[in-house]
Amino acid sequence: MGIGDKIQNKAEEVGGKIKEAVGDATDNERLQAEGAADQASAKAKQAGEAVKDGVKDAAEDAKAAWNKATN
């Protein structure tokens, strides 16, 4: 996961929290729901990127182990 993606996803999550808080403060249910949805979307993206990072790390570890075993 690139640093830009991490920043963008975190910004989306924070924006969702702000939107939800404003919705709470103003009794605006639509804004509350949009904020919660933004947060859920950002967290799903972060989870997907974490899985992708884990697969990449495992592949690199396997490659290093193979190189060590064959050299």
N, C-alpha and C. Protein backbone atom coordinates (compact mmCIF):
# COMPACT_ATOMS: atom_id res chain seq x y z
N MET A 1 0.84 -1.16 0.00
CA MET A 1 0.00 0.00 0.00
C MET A 1 0.89 1.23 0.00
N GLY A 2 0.65 2.08 -0.93
CA GLY A 2 1.45 3.28 -1.00
C GLY A 2 1.09 4.26 0.09
N ILE A 3 2.03 5.11 0.43
CA ILE A 3 1.81 6.09 1.48
C ILE A 3 0.66 7.02 1.11
N GLY A 4 0.54 7.33 -0.19
CA GLY A 4 -0.56 8.19 -0.64
C GLY A 4 -1.91 7.56 -0.37
N ASP A 5 -2.02 6.25 -0.60
CA ASP A 5 -3.28 5.53 -0.32
C ASP A 5 -3.59 5.55 1.17
N LYS A 6 -2.57 5.34 1.99
CA LYS A 6 -2.77 5.34 3.44
C LYS A 6 -3.28 6.70 3.90
N ILE A 7 -2.67 7.75 3.39
CA ILE A 7 -3.08 9.11 3.77
C ILE A 7 -4.50 9.39 3.30
N GLN A 8 -4.79 9.01 2.07
CA GLN A 8 -6.13 9.25 1.52
C GLN A 8 -7.20 8.49 2.31
N ASN A 9 -6.93 7.24 2.64
CA ASN A 9 -7.90 6.44 3.40
C ASN A 9 -8.10 7.00 4.81
N LYS A 10 -7.01 7.41 5.45
CA LYS A 10 -7.12 7.99 6.79
C LYS A 10 -7.88 9.31 6.74
N ALA A 11 -7.62 10.12 5.71
CA ALA A 11 -8.34 11.38 5.55
C ALA A 11 -9.84 11.14 5.36
N GLU A 12 -10.18 10.11 4.59
CA GLU A 12 -11.60 9.76 4.39
C GLU A 12 -12.23 9.35 5.72
N GLU A 13 -11.49 8.57 6.51
CA GLU A 13 -12.01 8.14 7.81
C GLU A 13 -12.23 9.34 8.74
N VAL A 14 -11.25 10.22 8.81
CA VAL A 14 -11.35 11.41 9.67
C VAL A 14 -12.49 12.31 9.19
N GLY A 15 -12.59 12.48 7.88
CA GLY A 15 -13.68 13.28 7.33
C GLY A 15 -15.03 12.71 7.69
N GLY A 16 -15.13 11.40 7.68
CA GLY A 16 -16.38 10.74 8.07
C GLY A 16 -16.71 10.97 9.53
N LYS A 17 -15.67 10.94 10.38
CA LYS A 17 -15.91 11.20 11.81
C LYS A 17 -16.41 12.63 12.02
N ILE A 18 -15.80 13.56 11.29
CA ILE A 18 -16.22 14.96 11.42
C ILE A 18 -17.65 15.12 10.92
N LYS A 19 -17.93 14.53 9.77
CA LYS A 19 -19.28 14.63 9.21
C LYS A 19 -20.31 14.03 10.17
N GLU A 20 -19.98 12.90 10.75
CA GLU A 20 -20.90 12.27 11.69
C GLU A 20 -21.10 13.14 12.93
N ALA A 21 -20.02 13.73 13.44
CA ALA A 21 -20.11 14.59 14.62
C ALA A 21 -20.96 15.83 14.34
N VAL A 22 -20.79 16.42 13.16
CA VAL A 22 -21.61 17.57 12.79
C VAL A 22 -23.08 17.15 12.69
N GLY A 23 -23.31 15.98 12.12
CA GLY A 23 -24.67 15.46 12.05
C GLY A 23 -25.28 15.25 13.42
N ASP A 24 -24.47 14.73 14.35
CA ASP A 24 -24.95 14.55 15.73
C ASP A 24 -25.29 15.90 16.36
N ALA A 25 -24.40 16.87 16.17
CA ALA A 25 -24.58 18.18 16.79
C ALA A 25 -25.78 18.93 16.23
N THR A 26 -26.08 18.69 14.97
CA THR A 26 -27.18 19.43 14.33
C THR A 26 -28.45 18.59 14.19
N ASP A 27 -28.40 17.38 14.71
CA ASP A 27 -29.55 16.46 14.60
C ASP A 27 -29.90 16.15 13.15
N ASN A 28 -28.88 16.06 12.31
CA ASN A 28 -29.05 15.79 10.89
C ASN A 28 -28.75 14.31 10.64
N GLU A 29 -29.78 13.49 10.53
CA GLU A 29 -29.60 12.04 10.38
C GLU A 29 -28.90 11.67 9.07
N ARG A 30 -29.16 12.42 8.02
CA ARG A 30 -28.52 12.13 6.73
C ARG A 30 -27.01 12.33 6.84
N LEU A 31 -26.59 13.41 7.49
CA LEU A 31 -25.17 13.68 7.65
C LEU A 31 -24.52 12.64 8.57
N GLN A 32 -25.24 12.23 9.60
CA GLN A 32 -24.73 11.18 10.49
C GLN A 32 -24.48 9.89 9.70
N ALA A 33 -25.45 9.53 8.88
CA ALA A 33 -25.34 8.29 8.10
C ALA A 33 -24.23 8.40 7.07
N GLU A 34 -24.10 9.54 6.41
CA GLU A 34 -23.01 9.72 5.44
C GLU A 34 -21.65 9.61 6.12
N GLY A 35 -21.53 10.21 7.30
CA GLY A 35 -20.27 10.13 8.04
C GLY A 35 -19.92 8.70 8.42
N ALA A 36 -20.91 7.97 8.89
CA ALA A 36 -20.68 6.57 9.25
C ALA A 36 -20.31 5.74 8.02
N ALA A 37 -20.96 6.02 6.90
CA ALA A 37 -20.66 5.30 5.67
C ALA A 37 -19.25 5.62 5.18
N ASP A 38 -18.85 6.88 5.27
CA ASP A 38 -17.49 7.26 4.87
C ASP A 38 -16.45 6.53 5.71
N GLN A 39 -16.72 6.45 7.01
CA GLN A 39 -15.79 5.75 7.90
C GLN A 39 -15.70 4.26 7.56
N ALA A 40 -16.84 3.65 7.32
CA ALA A 40 -16.86 2.23 6.99
C ALA A 40 -16.13 1.97 5.68
N SER A 41 -16.33 2.84 4.71
CA SER A 41 -15.64 2.70 3.42
C SER A 41 -14.13 2.79 3.59
N ALA A 42 -13.69 3.77 4.35
CA ALA A 42 -12.26 3.96 4.57
C ALA A 42 -11.66 2.76 5.30
N LYS A 43 -12.36 2.26 6.30
CA LYS A 43 -11.84 1.11 7.05
C LYS A 43 -11.79 -0.15 6.19
N ALA A 44 -12.75 -0.31 5.29
CA ALA A 44 -12.73 -1.45 4.38
C ALA A 44 -11.53 -1.36 3.43
N LYS A 45 -11.28 -0.16 2.94
CA LYS A 45 -10.11 0.04 2.06
C LYS A 45 -8.82 -0.24 2.81
N GLN A 46 -8.74 0.24 4.05
CA GLN A 46 -7.55 0.00 4.86
C GLN A 46 -7.34 -1.49 5.10
N ALA A 47 -8.41 -2.21 5.36
CA ALA A 47 -8.31 -3.66 5.59
C ALA A 47 -7.84 -4.36 4.32
N GLY A 48 -8.38 -3.97 3.18
CA GLY A 48 -7.96 -4.57 1.90
C GLY A 48 -6.51 -4.30 1.62
N GLU A 49 -6.06 -3.10 1.89
CA GLU A 49 -4.66 -2.76 1.68
C GLU A 49 -3.75 -3.52 2.64
N ALA A 50 -4.22 -3.74 3.87
CA ALA A 50 -3.43 -4.50 4.84
C ALA A 50 -3.26 -5.95 4.38
N VAL A 51 -4.31 -6.53 3.82
CA VAL A 51 -4.21 -7.89 3.28
C VAL A 51 -3.22 -7.92 2.13
N LYS A 52 -3.33 -6.94 1.25
CA LYS A 52 -2.42 -6.86 0.11
C LYS A 52 -0.96 -6.73 0.58
N ASP A 53 -0.74 -5.90 1.61
CA ASP A 53 0.60 -5.75 2.17
C ASP A 53 1.09 -7.06 2.77
N GLY A 54 0.20 -7.78 3.44
CA GLY A 54 0.58 -9.06 4.05
C GLY A 54 0.97 -10.09 3.01
N VAL A 55 0.24 -10.14 1.91
CA VAL A 55 0.57 -11.07 0.83
C VAL A 55 1.91 -10.71 0.21
N LYS A 56 2.12 -9.42 0.01
CA LYS A 56 3.40 -8.97 -0.56
C LYS A 56 4.55 -9.35 0.36
N ASP A 57 4.39 -9.12 1.67
CA ASP A 57 5.44 -9.47 2.63
C ASP A 57 5.71 -10.97 2.64
N ALA A 58 4.65 -11.76 2.59
CA ALA A 58 4.81 -13.22 2.58
C ALA A 58 5.54 -13.68 1.33
N ALA A 59 5.23 -13.07 0.20
CA ALA A 59 5.89 -13.43 -1.05
C ALA A 59 7.38 -13.07 -0.99
N GLU A 60 7.67 -11.91 -0.42
CA GLU A 60 9.07 -11.52 -0.28
C GLU A 60 9.83 -12.45 0.65
N ASP A 61 9.19 -12.86 1.74
CA ASP A 61 9.81 -13.80 2.68
C ASP A 61 10.06 -15.15 2.01
N ALA A 62 9.09 -15.62 1.23
CA ALA A 62 9.24 -16.89 0.53
C ALA A 62 10.37 -16.82 -0.48
N LYS A 63 10.46 -15.71 -1.19
CA LYS A 63 11.54 -15.53 -2.18
C LYS A 63 12.90 -15.52 -1.49
N ALA A 64 13.00 -14.83 -0.36
CA ALA A 64 14.26 -14.78 0.38
C ALA A 64 14.65 -16.17 0.89
N ALA A 65 13.67 -16.91 1.38
CA ALA A 65 13.94 -18.26 1.87
C ALA A 65 14.39 -19.16 0.72
N TRP A 66 13.75 -19.03 -0.43
CA TRP A 66 14.13 -19.83 -1.60
C TRP A 66 15.55 -19.49 -2.03
N ASN A 67 15.85 -18.21 -2.10
CA ASN A 67 17.21 -17.80 -2.49
C ASN A 67 18.25 -18.31 -1.50
N LYS A 68 17.95 -18.27 -0.23
CA LYS A 68 18.87 -18.75 0.79
C LYS A 68 19.08 -20.27 0.67
N ALA A 69 18.00 -20.99 0.39
CA ALA A 69 18.07 -22.44 0.30
C ALA A 69 18.78 -22.91 -0.97
N THR A 70 18.70 -22.14 -2.02
CA THR A 70 19.29 -22.58 -3.29
C THR A 70 20.68 -22.00 -3.53
N ASN A 71 21.15 -21.17 -2.66
CA ASN A 71 22.51 -20.59 -2.86
C ASN A 71 23.50 -21.18 -1.93
